[in-house]
Amino acid sequence: MISRVGVVYNAPERSDQKELLRHVVSRVVIDNEGTISLELRAPFAYLHNIYQ
């Protein structure tokens, strides 16, 4: 699935994009200043931390 993220997200169907985001993102956090951050599900959070 990880190797297919870009292919699936760029699919023409919006429903495919929403489904992919449900698998990758566990929570969207918006602070008082309006800054948006995403909490990722495993293994995406792990991979994100490696490449930062």
PDB file of N, CA and C in Angstrom:
ATOM      1  N   MET A   1       0.826  -1.190   0.000  1.00  0.00           N
ATOM      2  CA  MET A   1       0.000   0.000   0.000  1.00  0.00           C
ATOM      3  C   MET A   1       0.873   1.257   0.000  1.00  0.00           C
ATOM      4  N   ILE A   2       1.962   1.227   0.746  1.00  0.00           N
ATOM      5  CA  ILE A   2       2.814   2.403   0.838  1.00  0.00           C
ATOM      6  C   ILE A   2       3.364   2.783  -0.533  1.00  0.00           C
ATOM      7  N   SER A   3       3.751   1.806  -1.311  1.00  0.00           N
ATOM      8  CA  SER A   3       4.311   2.105  -2.624  1.00  0.00           C
ATOM      9  C   SER A   3       3.251   2.621  -3.593  1.00  0.00           C
ATOM     10  N   ARG A   4       1.984   2.432  -3.289  1.00  0.00           N
ATOM     11  CA  ARG A   4       0.904   2.845  -4.178  1.00  0.00           C
ATOM     12  C   ARG A   4       0.218   4.139  -3.743  1.00  0.00           C
ATOM     13  N   VAL A   5       0.666   4.771  -2.673  1.00  0.00           N
ATOM     14  CA  VAL A   5       0.002   5.965  -2.143  1.00  0.00           C
ATOM     15  C   VAL A   5      -0.134   7.054  -3.205  1.00  0.00           C
ATOM     16  N   GLY A   6       0.943   7.390  -3.883  1.00  0.00           N
ATOM     17  CA  GLY A   6       0.888   8.447  -4.891  1.00  0.00           C
ATOM     18  C   GLY A   6      -0.030   8.109  -6.040  1.00  0.00           C
ATOM     19  N   VAL A   7      -0.024   6.865  -6.473  1.00  0.00           N
ATOM     20  CA  VAL A   7      -0.875   6.442  -7.583  1.00  0.00           C
ATOM     21  C   VAL A   7      -2.345   6.540  -7.191  1.00  0.00           C
ATOM     22  N   VAL A   8      -2.675   6.029  -6.018  1.00  0.00           N
ATOM     23  CA  VAL A   8      -4.070   6.038  -5.569  1.00  0.00           C
ATOM     24  C   VAL A   8      -4.540   7.465  -5.296  1.00  0.00           C
ATOM     25  N   TYR A   9      -3.692   8.273  -4.670  1.00  0.00           N
ATOM     26  CA  TYR A   9      -4.124   9.629  -4.337  1.00  0.00           C
ATOM     27  C   TYR A   9      -4.357  10.464  -5.591  1.00  0.00           C
ATOM     28  N   ASN A  10      -3.621  10.210  -6.638  1.00  0.00           N
ATOM     29  CA  ASN A  10      -3.806  10.958  -7.878  1.00  0.00           C
ATOM     30  C   ASN A  10      -4.883  10.363  -8.775  1.00  0.00           C
ATOM     31  N   ALA A  11      -5.589   9.373  -8.276  1.00  0.00           N
ATOM     32  CA  ALA A  11      -6.686   8.770  -9.043  1.00  0.00           C
ATOM     33  C   ALA A  11      -7.780   9.813  -9.280  1.00  0.00           C
ATOM     34  N   PRO A  12      -8.480   9.692 -10.385  1.00  0.00           N
ATOM     35  CA  PRO A  12      -9.504  10.681 -10.708  1.00  0.00           C
ATOM     36  C   PRO A  12     -10.706  10.665  -9.759  1.00  0.00           C
ATOM     37  N   GLU A  13     -10.935   9.577  -9.079  1.00  0.00           N
ATOM     38  CA  GLU A  13     -12.092   9.473  -8.199  1.00  0.00           C
ATOM     39  C   GLU A  13     -11.801  10.059  -6.824  1.00  0.00           C
ATOM     40  N   ARG A  14     -12.585  11.030  -6.422  1.00  0.00           N
ATOM     41  CA  ARG A  14     -12.412  11.656  -5.108  1.00  0.00           C
ATOM     42  C   ARG A  14     -12.655  10.656  -3.979  1.00  0.00           C
ATOM     43  N   SER A  15     -13.550   9.719  -4.197  1.00  0.00           N
ATOM     44  CA  SER A  15     -13.824   8.713  -3.164  1.00  0.00           C
ATOM     45  C   SER A  15     -12.585   7.863  -2.886  1.00  0.00           C
ATOM     46  N   ASP A  16     -11.752   7.615  -3.915  1.00  0.00           N
ATOM     47  CA  ASP A  16     -10.510   6.880  -3.711  1.00  0.00           C
ATOM     48  C   ASP A  16      -9.544   7.676  -2.847  1.00  0.00           C
ATOM     49  N   GLN A  17      -9.489   8.985  -3.059  1.00  0.00           N
ATOM     50  CA  GLN A  17      -8.621   9.845  -2.263  1.00  0.00           C
ATOM     51  C   GLN A  17      -9.078   9.858  -0.806  1.00  0.00           C
ATOM     52  N   LYS A  18     -10.371   9.959  -0.572  1.00  0.00           N
ATOM     53  CA  LYS A  18     -10.902   9.968   0.797  1.00  0.00           C
ATOM     54  C   LYS A  18     -10.594   8.657   1.510  1.00  0.00           C
ATOM     55  N   GLU A  19     -10.760   7.552   0.801  1.00  0.00           N
ATOM     56  CA  GLU A  19     -10.488   6.245   1.394  1.00  0.00           C
ATOM     57  C   GLU A  19      -9.020   6.115   1.768  1.00  0.00           C
ATOM     58  N   LEU A  20      -8.140   6.579   0.895  1.00  0.00           N
ATOM     59  CA  LEU A  20      -6.709   6.538   1.185  1.00  0.00           C
ATOM     60  C   LEU A  20      -6.394   7.372   2.426  1.00  0.00           C
ATOM     61  N   LEU A  21      -6.939   8.560   2.517  1.00  0.00           N
ATOM     62  CA  LEU A  21      -6.674   9.413   3.682  1.00  0.00           C
ATOM     63  C   LEU A  21      -7.179   8.773   4.971  1.00  0.00           C
ATOM     64  N   ARG A  22      -8.261   8.033   4.903  1.00  0.00           N
ATOM     65  CA  ARG A  22      -8.764   7.329   6.098  1.00  0.00           C
ATOM     66  C   ARG A  22      -7.773   6.286   6.588  1.00  0.00           C
ATOM     67  N   HIS A  23      -7.011   5.708   5.670  1.00  0.00           N
ATOM     68  CA  HIS A  23      -6.014   4.701   6.050  1.00  0.00           C
ATOM     69  C   HIS A  23      -4.716   5.331   6.542  1.00  0.00           C
ATOM     70  N   VAL A  24      -4.399   6.539   6.087  1.00  0.00           N
ATOM     71  CA  VAL A  24      -3.118   7.176   6.408  1.00  0.00           C
ATOM     72  C   VAL A  24      -3.221   8.080   7.633  1.00  0.00           C
ATOM     73  N   VAL A  25      -4.281   8.854   7.746  1.00  0.00           N
ATOM     74  CA  VAL A  25      -4.408   9.880   8.790  1.00  0.00           C
ATOM     75  C   VAL A  25      -5.332   9.388   9.896  1.00  0.00           C
ATOM     76  N   SER A  26      -4.862   9.474  11.133  1.00  0.00           N
ATOM     77  CA  SER A  26      -5.713   9.075  12.254  1.00  0.00           C
ATOM     78  C   SER A  26      -6.494  10.261  12.804  1.00  0.00           C
ATOM     79  N   ARG A  27      -5.894  11.467  12.720  1.00  0.00           N
ATOM     80  CA  ARG A  27      -6.574  12.633  13.291  1.00  0.00           C
ATOM     81  C   ARG A  27      -6.015  13.896  12.681  1.00  0.00           C
ATOM     82  N   VAL A  28      -6.900  14.879  12.472  1.00  0.00           N
ATOM     83  CA  VAL A  28      -6.504  16.211  12.027  1.00  0.00           C
ATOM     84  C   VAL A  28      -6.673  17.140  13.230  1.00  0.00           C
ATOM     85  N   VAL A  29      -5.602  17.889  13.560  1.00  0.00           N
ATOM     86  CA  VAL A  29      -5.628  18.774  14.717  1.00  0.00           C
ATOM     87  C   VAL A  29      -5.461  20.209  14.239  1.00  0.00           C
ATOM     88  N   ILE A  30      -6.364  21.079  14.690  1.00  0.00           N
ATOM     89  CA  ILE A  30      -6.286  22.507  14.386  1.00  0.00           C
ATOM     90  C   ILE A  30      -6.154  23.241  15.712  1.00  0.00           C
ATOM     91  N   ASP A  31      -5.045  23.978  15.881  1.00  0.00           N
ATOM     92  CA  ASP A  31      -4.837  24.691  17.139  1.00  0.00           C
ATOM     93  C   ASP A  31      -5.545  26.051  17.110  1.00  0.00           C
ATOM     94  N   ASN A  32      -5.436  26.796  18.199  1.00  0.00           N
ATOM     95  CA  ASN A  32      -6.117  28.092  18.332  1.00  0.00           C
ATOM     96  C   ASN A  32      -5.673  29.116  17.298  1.00  0.00           C
ATOM     97  N   GLU A  33      -4.458  28.984  16.789  1.00  0.00           N
ATOM     98  CA  GLU A  33      -3.947  29.908  15.784  1.00  0.00           C
ATOM     99  C   GLU A  33      -4.370  29.495  14.371  1.00  0.00           C
ATOM    100  N   GLY A  34      -5.011  28.348  14.237  1.00  0.00           N
ATOM    101  CA  GLY A  34      -5.452  27.868  12.937  1.00  0.00           C
ATOM    102  C   GLY A  34      -4.445  26.992  12.225  1.00  0.00           C
ATOM    103  N   THR A  35      -3.378  26.604  12.921  1.00  0.00           N
ATOM    104  CA  THR A  35      -2.376  25.719  12.333  1.00  0.00           C
ATOM    105  C   THR A  35      -2.933  24.294  12.288  1.00  0.00           C
ATOM    106  N   ILE A  36      -2.828  23.678  11.129  1.00  0.00           N
ATOM    107  CA  ILE A  36      -3.347  22.333  10.931  1.00  0.00           C
ATOM    108  C   ILE A  36      -2.192  21.330  10.965  1.00  0.00           C
ATOM    109  N   SER A  37      -2.369  20.272  11.725  1.00  0.00           N
ATOM    110  CA  SER A  37      -1.380  19.192  11.733  1.00  0.00           C
ATOM    111  C   SER A  37      -2.112  17.859  11.621  1.00  0.00           C
ATOM    112  N   LEU A  38      -1.430  16.904  11.053  1.00  0.00           N
ATOM    113  CA  LEU A  38      -2.006  15.580  10.860  1.00  0.00           C
ATOM    114  C   LEU A  38      -1.304  14.573  11.755  1.00  0.00           C
ATOM    115  N   GLU A  39      -2.075  13.740  12.416  1.00  0.00           N
ATOM    116  CA  GLU A  39      -1.520  12.609  13.151  1.00  0.00           C
ATOM    117  C   GLU A  39      -1.710  11.393  12.261  1.00  0.00           C
ATOM    118  N   LEU A  40      -0.596  10.779  11.887  1.00  0.00           N
ATOM    119  CA  LEU A  40      -0.627   9.673  10.942  1.00  0.00           C
ATOM    120  C   LEU A  40      -0.740   8.330  11.640  1.00  0.00           C
ATOM    121  N   ARG A  41      -1.335   7.391  10.947  1.00  0.00           N
ATOM    122  CA  ARG A  41      -1.415   6.015  11.446  1.00  0.00           C
ATOM    123  C   ARG A  41      -0.105   5.289  11.137  1.00  0.00           C
ATOM    124  N   ALA A  42       0.120   4.196  11.857  1.00  0.00           N
ATOM    125  CA  ALA A  42       1.264   3.339  11.564  1.00  0.00           C
ATOM    126  C   ALA A  42       1.017   2.661  10.227  1.00  0.00           C
ATOM    127  N   PRO A  43       1.988   2.427   9.433  1.00  0.00           N
ATOM    128  CA  PRO A  43       3.411   2.726   9.550  1.00  0.00           C
ATOM    129  C   PRO A  43       3.776   4.101   9.016  1.00  0.00           C
ATOM    130  N   PHE A  44       2.778   4.899   8.614  1.00  0.00           N
ATOM    131  CA  PHE A  44       3.054   6.187   8.001  1.00  0.00           C
ATOM    132  C   PHE A  44       3.701   7.168   8.978  1.00  0.00           C
ATOM    133  N   ALA A  45       3.289   7.148  10.234  1.00  0.00           N
ATOM    134  CA  ALA A  45       3.900   8.019  11.237  1.00  0.00           C
ATOM    135  C   ALA A  45       5.376   7.656  11.410  1.00  0.00           C
ATOM    136  N   TYR A  46       5.660   6.375  11.465  1.00  0.00           N
ATOM    137  CA  TYR A  46       7.040   5.912  11.596  1.00  0.00           C
ATOM    138  C   TYR A  46       7.883   6.368  10.412  1.00  0.00           C
ATOM    139  N   LEU A  47       7.384   6.184   9.217  1.00  0.00           N
ATOM    140  CA  LEU A  47       8.114   6.585   8.026  1.00  0.00           C
ATOM    141  C   LEU A  47       8.301   8.097   7.960  1.00  0.00           C
ATOM    142  N   HIS A  48       7.311   8.832   8.358  1.00  0.00           N
ATOM    143  CA  HIS A  48       7.399  10.287   8.384  1.00  0.00           C
ATOM    144  C   HIS A  48       8.516  10.738   9.333  1.00  0.00           C
ATOM    145  N   ASN A  49       8.593  10.103  10.496  1.00  0.00           N
ATOM    146  CA  ASN A  49       9.630  10.453  11.466  1.00  0.00           C
ATOM    147  C   ASN A  49      11.027  10.113  10.978  1.00  0.00           C
ATOM    148  N   ILE A  50      11.168   9.060  10.215  1.00  0.00           N
ATOM    149  CA  ILE A  50      12.462   8.673   9.684  1.00  0.00           C
ATOM    150  C   ILE A  50      12.988   9.718   8.693  1.00  0.00           C
ATOM    151  N   TYR A  51      12.103  10.216   7.850  1.00  0.00           N
ATOM    152  CA  TYR A  51      12.520  11.104   6.773  1.00  0.00           C
ATOM    153  C   TYR A  51      12.465  12.581   7.118  1.00  0.00           C
ATOM    154  N   GLN A  52      12.248  12.915   8.368  1.00  0.00           N
ATOM    155  CA  GLN A  52      12.262  14.330   8.767  1.00  0.00           C
ATOM    156  C   GLN A  52      13.627  14.746   9.178  1.00  0.00           C
TER     157      GLN A  52
END
